[in-house]
Amino acid sequence: MNRRITLITASVLGALAVSIGAFGAHALKPTLIQAGKLEVFELATRYQFYHTLALLAVGILQKFIFDKKLEYASLFLLIGTVLFCGSLYLLCFIKLGGVGLITPIGGVFLILGWVFLLLGVAKK
């Protein structure tokens, strides 16, 4: 993803993280506690914030470092965040065991995002 798209995406993911986190902490908290899923929900929100900040950093770096690897880093961080956090959010509310299989795939994409960030800045 180019710098503009990366920064826009980070902004949207950040706004969603705050909104989802607040909704979970207030409106959904009793439901999450009853289902034993509060920790899962909080983990998803926390990881969404972490990787939103990473995506923001990649977008800022793209202004100064022109390397295709940073574009891949931003794409992998986005895919990883959607798959990892999204699957955890879904696990909180639906009882489909197959959704849990998506979580590690998202984790692999998050790792790839960090690796491509490293590769994009290491030689500069």
PDB file of N, CA and C in Angstrom:
ATOM      1  N   MET A   1       0.853  -1.176   0.000  1.00  0.00           N
ATOM      2  CA  MET A   1       0.000   0.000   0.000  1.00  0.00           C
ATOM      3  C   MET A   1       0.896   1.235   0.000  1.00  0.00           C
ATOM      4  N   ASN A   2       0.485   2.267  -0.711  1.00  0.00           N
ATOM      5  CA  ASN A   2       1.287   3.483  -0.722  1.00  0.00           C
ATOM      6  C   ASN A   2       1.106   4.259   0.594  1.00  0.00           C
ATOM      7  N   ARG A   3       1.876   5.315   0.752  1.00  0.00           N
ATOM      8  CA  ARG A   3       1.885   6.075   2.001  1.00  0.00           C
ATOM      9  C   ARG A   3       0.505   6.619   2.358  1.00  0.00           C
ATOM     10  N   ARG A   4      -0.173   7.212   1.396  1.00  0.00           N
ATOM     11  CA  ARG A   4      -1.481   7.811   1.666  1.00  0.00           C
ATOM     12  C   ARG A   4      -2.489   6.762   2.140  1.00  0.00           C
ATOM     13  N   ILE A   5      -2.554   5.652   1.431  1.00  0.00           N
ATOM     14  CA  ILE A   5      -3.484   4.573   1.790  1.00  0.00           C
ATOM     15  C   ILE A   5      -3.114   3.987   3.148  1.00  0.00           C
ATOM     16  N   THR A   6      -1.825   3.834   3.403  1.00  0.00           N
ATOM     17  CA  THR A   6      -1.368   3.300   4.685  1.00  0.00           C
ATOM     18  C   THR A   6      -1.809   4.202   5.832  1.00  0.00           C
ATOM     19  N   LEU A   7      -1.626   5.506   5.670  1.00  0.00           N
ATOM     20  CA  LEU A   7      -1.995   6.438   6.741  1.00  0.00           C
ATOM     21  C   LEU A   7      -3.514   6.512   6.925  1.00  0.00           C
ATOM     22  N   ILE A   8      -4.253   6.483   5.834  1.00  0.00           N
ATOM     23  CA  ILE A   8      -5.713   6.474   5.938  1.00  0.00           C
ATOM     24  C   ILE A   8      -6.180   5.199   6.637  1.00  0.00           C
ATOM     25  N   THR A   9      -5.607   4.082   6.250  1.00  0.00           N
ATOM     26  CA  THR A   9      -5.967   2.800   6.857  1.00  0.00           C
ATOM     27  C   THR A   9      -5.656   2.797   8.351  1.00  0.00           C
ATOM     28  N   ALA A  10      -4.488   3.306   8.724  1.00  0.00           N
ATOM     29  CA  ALA A  10      -4.124   3.381  10.142  1.00  0.00           C
ATOM     30  C   ALA A  10      -5.111   4.261  10.904  1.00  0.00           C
ATOM     31  N   SER A  11      -5.540   5.357  10.293  1.00  0.00           N
ATOM     32  CA  SER A  11      -6.504   6.245  10.945  1.00  0.00           C
ATOM     33  C   SER A  11      -7.835   5.537  11.172  1.00  0.00           C
ATOM     34  N   VAL A  12      -8.295   4.811  10.167  1.00  0.00           N
ATOM     35  CA  VAL A  12      -9.569   4.089  10.283  1.00  0.00           C
ATOM     36  C   VAL A  12      -9.457   2.983  11.333  1.00  0.00           C
ATOM     37  N   LEU A  13      -8.372   2.213  11.280  1.00  0.00           N
ATOM     38  CA  LEU A  13      -8.183   1.142  12.263  1.00  0.00           C
ATOM     39  C   LEU A  13      -8.078   1.692  13.682  1.00  0.00           C
ATOM     40  N   GLY A  14      -7.442   2.843  13.837  1.00  0.00           N
ATOM     41  CA  GLY A  14      -7.340   3.464  15.154  1.00  0.00           C
ATOM     42  C   GLY A  14      -8.702   3.892  15.682  1.00  0.00           C
ATOM     43  N   ALA A  15      -9.488   4.521  14.821  1.00  0.00           N
ATOM     44  CA  ALA A  15     -10.837   4.937  15.234  1.00  0.00           C
ATOM     45  C   ALA A  15     -11.693   3.722  15.583  1.00  0.00           C
ATOM     46  N   LEU A  16     -11.563   2.668  14.786  1.00  0.00           N
ATOM     47  CA  LEU A  16     -12.313   1.444  15.076  1.00  0.00           C
ATOM     48  C   LEU A  16     -11.863   0.803  16.387  1.00  0.00           C
ATOM     49  N   ALA A  17     -10.567   0.821  16.651  1.00  0.00           N
ATOM     50  CA  ALA A  17     -10.056   0.229  17.890  1.00  0.00           C
ATOM     51  C   ALA A  17     -10.624   0.949  19.113  1.00  0.00           C
ATOM     52  N   VAL A  18     -10.659   2.268  19.059  1.00  0.00           N
ATOM     53  CA  VAL A  18     -11.225   3.028  20.174  1.00  0.00           C
ATOM     54  C   VAL A  18     -12.717   2.723  20.310  1.00  0.00           C
ATOM     55  N   SER A  19     -13.423   2.731  19.195  1.00  0.00           N
ATOM     56  CA  SER A  19     -14.871   2.487  19.217  1.00  0.00           C
ATOM     57  C   SER A  19     -15.203   1.082  19.709  1.00  0.00           C
ATOM     58  N   ILE A  20     -14.525   0.094  19.150  1.00  0.00           N
ATOM     59  CA  ILE A  20     -14.770  -1.298  19.546  1.00  0.00           C
ATOM     60  C   ILE A  20     -14.390  -1.512  21.006  1.00  0.00           C
ATOM     61  N   GLY A  21     -13.255  -0.955  21.405  1.00  0.00           N
ATOM     62  CA  GLY A  21     -12.815  -1.089  22.794  1.00  0.00           C
ATOM     63  C   GLY A  21     -13.794  -0.458  23.768  1.00  0.00           C
ATOM     64  N   ALA A  22     -14.277   0.717  23.445  1.00  0.00           N
ATOM     65  CA  ALA A  22     -15.239   1.398  24.327  1.00  0.00           C
ATOM     66  C   ALA A  22     -16.559   0.638  24.380  1.00  0.00           C
ATOM     67  N   PHE A  23     -17.011   0.171  23.229  1.00  0.00           N
ATOM     68  CA  PHE A  23     -18.260  -0.593  23.175  1.00  0.00           C
ATOM     69  C   PHE A  23     -18.134  -1.866  24.009  1.00  0.00           C
ATOM     70  N   GLY A  24     -16.979  -2.527  23.898  1.00  0.00           N
ATOM     71  CA  GLY A  24     -16.746  -3.739  24.680  1.00  0.00           C
ATOM     72  C   GLY A  24     -16.649  -3.475  26.162  1.00  0.00           C
ATOM     73  N   ALA A  25     -16.020  -2.373  26.529  1.00  0.00           N
ATOM     74  CA  ALA A  25     -15.838  -2.048  27.943  1.00  0.00           C
ATOM     75  C   ALA A  25     -17.133  -1.624  28.614  1.00  0.00           C
ATOM     76  N   HIS A  26     -18.086  -1.162  27.849  1.00  0.00           N
ATOM     77  CA  HIS A  26     -19.321  -0.659  28.440  1.00  0.00           C
ATOM     78  C   HIS A  26     -20.521  -1.536  28.076  1.00  0.00           C
ATOM     79  N   ALA A  27     -20.950  -1.476  26.852  1.00  0.00           N
ATOM     80  CA  ALA A  27     -22.189  -2.157  26.451  1.00  0.00           C
ATOM     81  C   ALA A  27     -22.053  -3.690  26.441  1.00  0.00           C
ATOM     82  N   LEU A  28     -20.898  -4.191  26.049  1.00  0.00           N
ATOM     83  CA  LEU A  28     -20.746  -5.637  25.891  1.00  0.00           C
ATOM     84  C   LEU A  28     -20.120  -6.342  27.090  1.00  0.00           C
ATOM     85  N   LYS A  29     -19.633  -5.593  28.046  1.00  0.00           N
ATOM     86  CA  LYS A  29     -18.878  -6.196  29.145  1.00  0.00           C
ATOM     87  C   LYS A  29     -19.646  -7.306  29.870  1.00  0.00           C
ATOM     88  N   PRO A  30     -20.904  -7.086  30.256  1.00  0.00           N
ATOM     89  CA  PRO A  30     -21.620  -8.178  30.940  1.00  0.00           C
ATOM     90  C   PRO A  30     -21.726  -9.450  30.084  1.00  0.00           C
ATOM     91  N   THR A  31     -21.994  -9.274  28.808  1.00  0.00           N
ATOM     92  CA  THR A  31     -22.103 -10.413  27.897  1.00  0.00           C
ATOM     93  C   THR A  31     -20.760 -11.130  27.764  1.00  0.00           C
ATOM     94  N   LEU A  32     -19.686 -10.362  27.631  1.00  0.00           N
ATOM     95  CA  LEU A  32     -18.358 -10.952  27.493  1.00  0.00           C
ATOM     96  C   LEU A  32     -17.936 -11.683  28.761  1.00  0.00           C
ATOM     97  N   ILE A  33     -18.254 -11.116  29.915  1.00  0.00           N
ATOM     98  CA  ILE A  33     -17.915 -11.773  31.188  1.00  0.00           C
ATOM     99  C   ILE A  33     -18.699 -13.074  31.317  1.00  0.00           C
ATOM    100  N   GLN A  34     -19.982 -13.019  31.022  1.00  0.00           N
ATOM    101  CA  GLN A  34     -20.827 -14.210  31.131  1.00  0.00           C
ATOM    102  C   GLN A  34     -20.336 -15.325  30.209  1.00  0.00           C
ATOM    103  N   ALA A  35     -19.877 -14.961  29.020  1.00  0.00           N
ATOM    104  CA  ALA A  35     -19.383 -15.952  28.059  1.00  0.00           C
ATOM    105  C   ALA A  35     -17.931 -16.355  28.332  1.00  0.00           C
ATOM    106  N   GLY A  36     -17.286 -15.685  29.283  1.00  0.00           N
ATOM    107  CA  GLY A  36     -15.881 -15.965  29.561  1.00  0.00           C
ATOM    108  C   GLY A  36     -14.948 -15.500  28.453  1.00  0.00           C
ATOM    109  N   LYS A  37     -15.350 -14.457  27.740  1.00  0.00           N
ATOM    110  CA  LYS A  37     -14.594 -13.985  26.575  1.00  0.00           C
ATOM    111  C   LYS A  37     -14.012 -12.580  26.738  1.00  0.00           C
ATOM    112  N   LEU A  38     -14.097 -12.015  27.925  1.00  0.00           N
ATOM    113  CA  LEU A  38     -13.591 -10.649  28.116  1.00  0.00           C
ATOM    114  C   LEU A  38     -12.105 -10.546  27.791  1.00  0.00           C
ATOM    115  N   GLU A  39     -11.330 -11.514  28.244  1.00  0.00           N
ATOM    116  CA  GLU A  39      -9.883 -11.478  27.982  1.00  0.00           C
ATOM    117  C   GLU A  39      -9.583 -11.591  26.485  1.00  0.00           C
ATOM    118  N   VAL A  40     -10.337 -12.404  25.784  1.00  0.00           N
ATOM    119  CA  VAL A  40     -10.153 -12.557  24.340  1.00  0.00           C
ATOM    120  C   VAL A  40     -10.454 -11.230  23.641  1.00  0.00           C
ATOM    121  N   PHE A  41     -11.543 -10.597  24.046  1.00  0.00           N
ATOM    122  CA  PHE A  41     -11.930  -9.316  23.461  1.00  0.00           C
ATOM    123  C   PHE A  41     -10.864  -8.250  23.730  1.00  0.00           C
ATOM    124  N   GLU A  42     -10.376  -8.211  24.964  1.00  0.00           N
ATOM    125  CA  GLU A  42      -9.340  -7.233  25.313  1.00  0.00           C
ATOM    126  C   GLU A  42      -8.046  -7.494  24.551  1.00  0.00           C
ATOM    127  N   LEU A  43      -7.700  -8.774  24.341  1.00  0.00           N
ATOM    128  CA  LEU A  43      -6.511  -9.111  23.563  1.00  0.00           C
ATOM    129  C   LEU A  43      -6.659  -8.615  22.123  1.00  0.00           C
ATOM    130  N   ALA A  44      -7.827  -8.832  21.540  1.00  0.00           N
ATOM    131  CA  ALA A  44      -8.076  -8.381  20.169  1.00  0.00           C
ATOM    132  C   ALA A  44      -7.942  -6.868  20.067  1.00  0.00           C
ATOM    133  N   THR A  45      -8.524  -6.165  21.019  1.00  0.00           N
ATOM    134  CA  THR A  45      -8.457  -4.699  21.011  1.00  0.00           C
ATOM    135  C   THR A  45      -7.018  -4.217  21.182  1.00  0.00           C
ATOM    136  N   ARG A  46      -6.302  -4.839  22.095  1.00  0.00           N
ATOM    137  CA  ARG A  46      -4.908  -4.459  22.350  1.00  0.00           C
ATOM    138  C   ARG A  46      -4.047  -4.681  21.107  1.00  0.00           C
ATOM    139  N   TYR A  47      -4.178  -5.844  20.483  1.00  0.00           N
ATOM    140  CA  TYR A  47      -3.398  -6.117  19.280  1.00  0.00           C
ATOM    141  C   TYR A  47      -3.792  -5.199  18.130  1.00  0.00           C
ATOM    142  N   GLN A  48      -5.060  -4.847  18.058  1.00  0.00           N
ATOM    143  CA  GLN A  48      -5.475  -3.905  17.016  1.00  0.00           C
ATOM    144  C   GLN A  48      -4.787  -2.557  17.227  1.00  0.00           C
ATOM    145  N   PHE A  49      -4.723  -2.098  18.477  1.00  0.00           N
ATOM    146  CA  PHE A  49      -4.027  -0.838  18.754  1.00  0.00           C
ATOM    147  C   PHE A  49      -2.541  -0.934  18.412  1.00  0.00           C
ATOM    148  N   TYR A  50      -1.885  -1.991  18.868  1.00  0.00           N
ATOM    149  CA  TYR A  50      -0.448  -2.142  18.606  1.00  0.00           C
ATOM    150  C   TYR A  50      -0.150  -2.077  17.113  1.00  0.00           C
ATOM    151  N   HIS A  51      -0.921  -2.803  16.349  1.00  0.00           N
ATOM    152  CA  HIS A  51      -0.614  -2.898  14.920  1.00  0.00           C
ATOM    153  C   HIS A  51      -1.133  -1.700  14.134  1.00  0.00           C
ATOM    154  N   THR A  52      -2.090  -0.998  14.693  1.00  0.00           N
ATOM    155  CA  THR A  52      -2.487   0.284  14.107  1.00  0.00           C
ATOM    156  C   THR A  52      -1.338   1.283  14.250  1.00  0.00           C
ATOM    157  N   LEU A  53      -0.701   1.293  15.408  1.00  0.00           N
ATOM    158  CA  LEU A  53       0.449   2.191  15.609  1.00  0.00           C
ATOM    159  C   LEU A  53       1.615   1.786  14.706  1.00  0.00           C
ATOM    160  N   ALA A  54       1.814   0.477  14.531  1.00  0.00           N
ATOM    161  CA  ALA A  54       2.869   0.016  13.621  1.00  0.00           C
ATOM    162  C   ALA A  54       2.570   0.462  12.193  1.00  0.00           C
ATOM    163  N   LEU A  55       1.318   0.343  11.788  1.00  0.00           N
ATOM    164  CA  LEU A  55       0.914   0.765  10.449  1.00  0.00           C
ATOM    165  C   LEU A  55       1.119   2.272  10.272  1.00  0.00           C
ATOM    166  N   LEU A  56       0.808   3.027  11.292  1.00  0.00           N
ATOM    167  CA  LEU A  56       1.034   4.474  11.261  1.00  0.00           C
ATOM    168  C   LEU A  56       2.525   4.780  11.093  1.00  0.00           C
ATOM    169  N   ALA A  57       3.354   4.058  11.824  1.00  0.00           N
ATOM    170  CA  ALA A  57       4.804   4.250  11.713  1.00  0.00           C
ATOM    171  C   ALA A  57       5.301   3.918  10.306  1.00  0.00           C
ATOM    172  N   VAL A  58       4.779   2.839   9.731  1.00  0.00           N
ATOM    173  CA  VAL A  58       5.175   2.472   8.370  1.00  0.00           C
ATOM    174  C   VAL A  58       4.780   3.580   7.400  1.00  0.00           C
ATOM    175  N   GLY A  59       3.575   4.113   7.557  1.00  0.00           N
ATOM    176  CA  GLY A  59       3.130   5.200   6.686  1.00  0.00           C
ATOM    177  C   GLY A  59       4.026   6.419   6.780  1.00  0.00           C
ATOM    178  N   ILE A  60       4.455   6.746   7.970  1.00  0.00           N
ATOM    179  CA  ILE A  60       5.361   7.887   8.150  1.00  0.00           C
ATOM    180  C   ILE A  60       6.726   7.577   7.536  1.00  0.00           C
ATOM    181  N   LEU A  61       7.219   6.367   7.752  1.00  0.00           N
ATOM    182  CA  LEU A  61       8.508   5.974   7.172  1.00  0.00           C
ATOM    183  C   LEU A  61       8.487   6.005   5.648  1.00  0.00           C
ATOM    184  N   GLN A  62       7.338   5.715   5.055  1.00  0.00           N
ATOM    185  CA  GLN A  62       7.238   5.711   3.595  1.00  0.00           C
ATOM    186  C   GLN A  62       7.496   7.093   2.999  1.00  0.00           C
ATOM    187  N   LYS A  63       7.372   8.134   3.794  1.00  0.00           N
ATOM    188  CA  LYS A  63       7.679   9.483   3.306  1.00  0.00           C
ATOM    189  C   LYS A  63       9.191   9.657   3.116  1.00  0.00           C
ATOM    190  N   PHE A  64       9.969   8.942   3.907  1.00  0.00           N
ATOM    191  CA  PHE A  64      11.422   9.126   3.915  1.00  0.00           C
ATOM    192  C   PHE A  64      12.196   7.979   3.271  1.00  0.00           C
ATOM    193  N   ILE A  65      11.601   6.797   3.261  1.00  0.00           N
ATOM    194  CA  ILE A  65      12.273   5.624   2.702  1.00  0.00           C
ATOM    195  C   ILE A  65      11.407   5.090   1.571  1.00  0.00           C
ATOM    196  N   PHE A  66      11.962   5.064   0.383  1.00  0.00           N
ATOM    197  CA  PHE A  66      11.224   4.586  -0.781  1.00  0.00           C
ATOM    198  C   PHE A  66      11.653   3.155  -1.075  1.00  0.00           C
ATOM    199  N   ASP A  67      10.930   2.227  -0.499  1.00  0.00           N
ATOM    200  CA  ASP A  67      11.248   0.820  -0.677  1.00  0.00           C
ATOM    201  C   ASP A  67       9.942   0.044  -0.748  1.00  0.00           C
ATOM    202  N   LYS A  68       9.837  -0.800  -1.743  1.00  0.00           N
ATOM    203  CA  LYS A  68       8.624  -1.608  -1.951  1.00  0.00           C
ATOM    204  C   LYS A  68       8.326  -2.488  -0.742  1.00  0.00           C
ATOM    205  N   LYS A  69       9.368  -2.850   0.005  1.00  0.00           N
ATOM    206  CA  LYS A  69       9.168  -3.707   1.173  1.00  0.00           C
ATOM    207  C   LYS A  69       8.282  -3.035   2.221  1.00  0.00           C
ATOM    208  N   LEU A  70       8.320  -1.708   2.299  1.00  0.00           N
ATOM    209  CA  LEU A  70       7.440  -1.007   3.238  1.00  0.00           C
ATOM    210  C   LEU A  70       5.985  -1.075   2.783  1.00  0.00           C
ATOM    211  N   GLU A  71       5.775  -1.087   1.487  1.00  0.00           N
ATOM    212  CA  GLU A  71       4.406  -1.255   0.988  1.00  0.00           C
ATOM    213  C   GLU A  71       3.876  -2.641   1.356  1.00  0.00           C
ATOM    214  N   TYR A  72       4.731  -3.652   1.234  1.00  0.00           N
ATOM    215  CA  TYR A  72       4.338  -4.995   1.639  1.00  0.00           C
ATOM    216  C   TYR A  72       4.122  -5.058   3.152  1.00  0.00           C
ATOM    217  N   ALA A  73       4.980  -4.378   3.902  1.00  0.00           N
ATOM    218  CA  ALA A  73       4.825  -4.355   5.359  1.00  0.00           C
ATOM    219  C   ALA A  73       3.453  -3.817   5.739  1.00  0.00           C
ATOM    220  N   SER A  74       3.046  -2.718   5.122  1.00  0.00           N
ATOM    221  CA  SER A  74       1.747  -2.139   5.462  1.00  0.00           C
ATOM    222  C   SER A  74       0.601  -3.070   5.055  1.00  0.00           C
ATOM    223  N   LEU A  75       0.725  -3.704   3.907  1.00  0.00           N
ATOM    224  CA  LEU A  75      -0.316  -4.629   3.464  1.00  0.00           C
ATOM    225  C   LEU A  75      -0.416  -5.831   4.402  1.00  0.00           C
ATOM    226  N   PHE A  76       0.731  -6.395   4.771  1.00  0.00           N
ATOM    227  CA  PHE A  76       0.719  -7.551   5.665  1.00  0.00           C
ATOM    228  C   PHE A  76       0.204  -7.185   7.052  1.00  0.00           C
ATOM    229  N   LEU A  77       0.552  -6.006   7.544  1.00  0.00           N
ATOM    230  CA  LEU A  77       0.034  -5.580   8.844  1.00  0.00           C
ATOM    231  C   LEU A  77      -1.486  -5.415   8.799  1.00  0.00           C
ATOM    232  N   LEU A  78      -1.993  -4.876   7.708  1.00  0.00           N
ATOM    233  CA  LEU A  78      -3.448  -4.728   7.572  1.00  0.00           C
ATOM    234  C   LEU A  78      -4.130  -6.094   7.517  1.00  0.00           C
ATOM    235  N   ILE A  79      -3.645  -6.972   6.652  1.00  0.00           N
ATOM    236  CA  ILE A  79      -4.247  -8.301   6.535  1.00  0.00           C
ATOM    237  C   ILE A  79      -4.173  -9.033   7.874  1.00  0.00           C
ATOM    238  N   GLY A  80      -3.020  -8.964   8.509  1.00  0.00           N
ATOM    239  CA  GLY A  80      -2.847  -9.628   9.802  1.00  0.00           C
ATOM    240  C   GLY A  80      -3.775  -9.089  10.868  1.00  0.00           C
ATOM    241  N   THR A  81      -3.942  -7.782  10.910  1.00  0.00           N
ATOM    242  CA  THR A  81      -4.821  -7.175  11.908  1.00  0.00           C
ATOM    243  C   THR A  81      -6.266  -7.605  11.677  1.00  0.00           C
ATOM    244  N   VAL A  82      -6.697  -7.569  10.431  1.00  0.00           N
ATOM    245  CA  VAL A  82      -8.077  -7.964  10.121  1.00  0.00           C
ATOM    246  C   VAL A  82      -8.303  -9.435  10.467  1.00  0.00           C
ATOM    247  N   LEU A  83      -7.383 -10.304  10.059  1.00  0.00           N
ATOM    248  CA  LEU A  83      -7.561 -11.731  10.310  1.00  0.00           C
ATOM    249  C   LEU A  83      -7.398 -12.083  11.788  1.00  0.00           C
ATOM    250  N   PHE A  84      -6.343 -11.592  12.411  1.00  0.00           N
ATOM    251  CA  PHE A  84      -6.068 -11.939  13.804  1.00  0.00           C
ATOM    252  C   PHE A  84      -7.118 -11.339  14.729  1.00  0.00           C
ATOM    253  N   CYS A  85      -7.253 -10.035  14.695  1.00  0.00           N
ATOM    254  CA  CYS A  85      -8.191  -9.368  15.606  1.00  0.00           C
ATOM    255  C   CYS A  85      -9.637  -9.683  15.236  1.00  0.00           C
ATOM    256  N   GLY A  86      -9.909  -9.679  13.939  1.00  0.00           N
ATOM    257  CA  GLY A  86     -11.268  -9.979  13.492  1.00  0.00           C
ATOM    258  C   GLY A  86     -11.720 -11.363  13.931  1.00  0.00           C
ATOM    259  N   SER A  87     -10.838 -12.352  13.814  1.00  0.00           N
ATOM    260  CA  SER A  87     -11.219 -13.705  14.233  1.00  0.00           C
ATOM    261  C   SER A  87     -11.423 -13.774  15.746  1.00  0.00           C
ATOM    262  N   LEU A  88     -10.621 -13.042  16.500  1.00  0.00           N
ATOM    263  CA  LEU A  88     -10.826 -13.021  17.953  1.00  0.00           C
ATOM    264  C   LEU A  88     -12.141 -12.342  18.316  1.00  0.00           C
ATOM    265  N   TYR A  89     -12.468 -11.246  17.638  1.00  0.00           N
ATOM    266  CA  TYR A  89     -13.764 -10.600  17.878  1.00  0.00           C
ATOM    267  C   TYR A  89     -14.896 -11.573  17.575  1.00  0.00           C
ATOM    268  N   LEU A  90     -14.791 -12.278  16.459  1.00  0.00           N
ATOM    269  CA  LEU A  90     -15.832 -13.245  16.099  1.00  0.00           C
ATOM    270  C   LEU A  90     -15.941 -14.365  17.122  1.00  0.00           C
ATOM    271  N   LEU A  91     -14.804 -14.830  17.623  1.00  0.00           N
ATOM    272  CA  LEU A  91     -14.821 -15.892  18.633  1.00  0.00           C
ATOM    273  C   LEU A  91     -15.580 -15.478  19.897  1.00  0.00           C
ATOM    274  N   CYS A  92     -15.632 -14.191  20.141  1.00  0.00           N
ATOM    275  CA  CYS A  92     -16.336 -13.698  21.328  1.00  0.00           C
ATOM    276  C   CYS A  92     -17.850 -13.820  21.188  1.00  0.00           C
ATOM    277  N   PHE A  93     -18.343 -13.871  19.964  1.00  0.00           N
ATOM    278  CA  PHE A  93     -19.785 -13.770  19.772  1.00  0.00           C
ATOM    279  C   PHE A  93     -20.437 -14.907  18.992  1.00  0.00           C
ATOM    280  N   ILE A  94     -19.652 -15.703  18.298  1.00  0.00           N
ATOM    281  CA  ILE A  94     -20.247 -16.820  17.573  1.00  0.00           C
ATOM    282  C   ILE A  94     -19.546 -18.105  17.972  1.00  0.00           C
ATOM    283  N   LYS A  95     -20.244 -19.184  17.851  1.00  0.00           N
ATOM    284  CA  LYS A  95     -19.707 -20.475  18.281  1.00  0.00           C
ATOM    285  C   LYS A  95     -19.350 -21.337  17.076  1.00  0.00           C
ATOM    286  N   LEU A  96     -18.464 -20.832  16.258  1.00  0.00           N
ATOM    287  CA  LEU A  96     -17.954 -21.594  15.123  1.00  0.00           C
ATOM    288  C   LEU A  96     -16.491 -21.901  15.378  1.00  0.00           C
ATOM    289  N   GLY A  97     -16.194 -23.149  15.621  1.00  0.00           N
ATOM    290  CA  GLY A  97     -14.824 -23.540  15.925  1.00  0.00           C
ATOM    291  C   GLY A  97     -13.834 -23.219  14.829  1.00  0.00           C
ATOM    292  N   GLY A  98     -14.285 -23.233  13.586  1.00  0.00           N
ATOM    293  CA  GLY A  98     -13.399 -22.965  12.462  1.00  0.00           C
ATOM    294  C   GLY A  98     -12.828 -21.567  12.444  1.00  0.00           C
ATOM    295  N   VAL A  99     -13.509 -20.623  13.099  1.00  0.00           N
ATOM    296  CA  VAL A  99     -13.026 -19.236  13.135  1.00  0.00           C
ATOM    297  C   VAL A  99     -11.672 -19.170  13.828  1.00  0.00           C
ATOM    298  N   GLY A 100     -11.470 -20.020  14.823  1.00  0.00           N
ATOM    299  CA  GLY A 100     -10.206 -20.029  15.553  1.00  0.00           C
ATOM    300  C   GLY A 100      -9.019 -20.404  14.685  1.00  0.00           C
ATOM    301  N   LEU A 101      -9.267 -21.071  13.561  1.00  0.00           N
ATOM    302  CA  LEU A 101      -8.178 -21.436  12.650  1.00  0.00           C
ATOM    303  C   LEU A 101      -7.631 -20.228  11.905  1.00  0.00           C
ATOM    304  N   ILE A 102      -8.416 -19.174  11.830  1.00  0.00           N
ATOM    305  CA  ILE A 102      -7.993 -17.955  11.128  1.00  0.00           C
ATOM    306  C   ILE A 102      -6.976 -17.166  11.959  1.00  0.00           C
ATOM    307  N   THR A 103      -7.094 -17.253  13.272  1.00  0.00           N
ATOM    308  CA  THR A 103      -6.248 -16.453  14.162  1.00  0.00           C
ATOM    309  C   THR A 103      -4.757 -16.656  13.904  1.00  0.00           C
ATOM    310  N   PRO A 104      -4.247 -17.882  13.859  1.00  0.00           N
ATOM    311  CA  PRO A 104      -2.806 -18.033  13.606  1.00  0.00           C
ATOM    312  C   PRO A 104      -2.377 -17.577  12.217  1.00  0.00           C
ATOM    313  N   ILE A 105      -3.281 -17.678  11.242  1.00  0.00           N
ATOM    314  CA  ILE A 105      -2.956 -17.169   9.903  1.00  0.00           C
ATOM    315  C   ILE A 105      -2.761 -15.657   9.988  1.00  0.00           C
ATOM    316  N   GLY A 106      -3.641 -14.996  10.727  1.00  0.00           N
ATOM    317  CA  GLY A 106      -3.481 -13.559  10.955  1.00  0.00           C
ATOM    318  C   GLY A 106      -2.174 -13.256  11.660  1.00  0.00           C
ATOM    319  N   GLY A 107      -1.816 -14.096  12.626  1.00  0.00           N
ATOM    320  CA  GLY A 107      -0.552 -13.916  13.337  1.00  0.00           C
ATOM    321  C   GLY A 107       0.652 -14.015  12.408  1.00  0.00           C
ATOM    322  N   VAL A 108       0.598 -14.933  11.457  1.00  0.00           N
ATOM    323  CA  VAL A 108       1.688 -15.069  10.479  1.00  0.00           C
ATOM    324  C   VAL A 108       1.805 -13.795   9.646  1.00  0.00           C
ATOM    325  N   PHE A 109       0.666 -13.236   9.225  1.00  0.00           N
ATOM    326  CA  PHE A 109       0.710 -11.989   8.454  1.00  0.00           C
ATOM    327  C   PHE A 109       1.261 -10.839   9.299  1.00  0.00           C
ATOM    328  N   LEU A 110       0.930 -10.797  10.587  1.00  0.00           N
ATOM    329  CA  LEU A 110       1.489  -9.745  11.449  1.00  0.00           C
ATOM    330  C   LEU A 110       3.005  -9.882  11.526  1.00  0.00           C
ATOM    331  N   ILE A 111       3.477 -11.100  11.689  1.00  0.00           N
ATOM    332  CA  ILE A 111       4.924 -11.333  11.725  1.00  0.00           C
ATOM    333  C   ILE A 111       5.566 -10.916  10.413  1.00  0.00           C
ATOM    334  N   LEU A 112       4.936 -11.281   9.300  1.00  0.00           N
ATOM    335  CA  LEU A 112       5.467 -10.870   7.995  1.00  0.00           C
ATOM    336  C   LEU A 112       5.526  -9.347   7.873  1.00  0.00           C
ATOM    337  N   GLY A 113       4.519  -8.665   8.405  1.00  0.00           N
ATOM    338  CA  GLY A 113       4.534  -7.200   8.388  1.00  0.00           C
ATOM    339  C   GLY A 113       5.748  -6.647   9.107  1.00  0.00           C
ATOM    340  N   TRP A 114       6.032  -7.193  10.270  1.00  0.00           N
ATOM    341  CA  TRP A 114       7.201  -6.739  11.031  1.00  0.00           C
ATOM    342  C   TRP A 114       8.501  -7.090  10.314  1.00  0.00           C
ATOM    343  N   VAL A 115       8.571  -8.273   9.722  1.00  0.00           N
ATOM    344  CA  VAL A 115       9.777  -8.685   8.995  1.00  0.00           C
ATOM    345  C   VAL A 115      10.018  -7.770   7.792  1.00  0.00           C
ATOM    346  N   PHE A 116       8.953  -7.469   7.042  1.00  0.00           N
ATOM    347  CA  PHE A 116       9.119  -6.584   5.889  1.00  0.00           C
ATOM    348  C   PHE A 116       9.438  -5.160   6.316  1.00  0.00           C
ATOM    349  N   LEU A 117       8.954  -4.747   7.475  1.00  0.00           N
ATOM    350  CA  LEU A 117       9.364  -3.447   8.013  1.00  0.00           C
ATOM    351  C   LEU A 117      10.871  -3.465   8.286  1.00  0.00           C
ATOM    352  N   LEU A 118      11.342  -4.518   8.903  1.00  0.00           N
ATOM    353  CA  LEU A 118      12.779  -4.662   9.149  1.00  0.00           C
ATOM    354  C   LEU A 118      13.566  -4.633   7.854  1.00  0.00           C
ATOM    355  N   LEU A 119      13.122  -5.415   6.875  1.00  0.00           N
ATOM    356  CA  LEU A 119      13.832  -5.467   5.596  1.00  0.00           C
ATOM    357  C   LEU A 119      13.806  -4.115   4.877  1.00  0.00           C
ATOM    358  N   GLY A 120      12.717  -3.390   5.028  1.00  0.00           N
ATOM    359  CA  GLY A 120      12.606  -2.090   4.360  1.00  0.00           C
ATOM    360  C   GLY A 120      13.475  -1.017   4.957  1.00  0.00           C
ATOM    361  N   VAL A 121      13.765  -1.114   6.231  1.00  0.00           N
ATOM    362  CA  VAL A 121      14.588  -0.066   6.862  1.00  0.00           C
ATOM    363  C   VAL A 121      16.027  -0.499   7.103  1.00  0.00           C
ATOM    364  N   ALA A 122      16.302  -1.789   7.050  1.00  0.00           N
ATOM    365  CA  ALA A 122      17.634  -2.295   7.411  1.00  0.00           C
ATOM    366  C   ALA A 122      18.732  -1.802   6.476  1.00  0.00           C
ATOM    367  N   LYS A 123      18.466  -1.728   5.207  1.00  0.00           N
ATOM    368  CA  LYS A 123      19.536  -1.358   4.274  1.00  0.00           C
ATOM    369  C   LYS A 123      19.639   0.138   4.057  1.00  0.00           C
ATOM    370  N   LYS A 124      18.779   0.898   4.690  1.00  0.00           N
ATOM    371  CA  LYS A 124      18.792   2.350   4.453  1.00  0.00           C
ATOM    372  C   LYS A 124      19.778   3.001   5.372  1.00  0.00           C
TER     373      LYS A 124
END
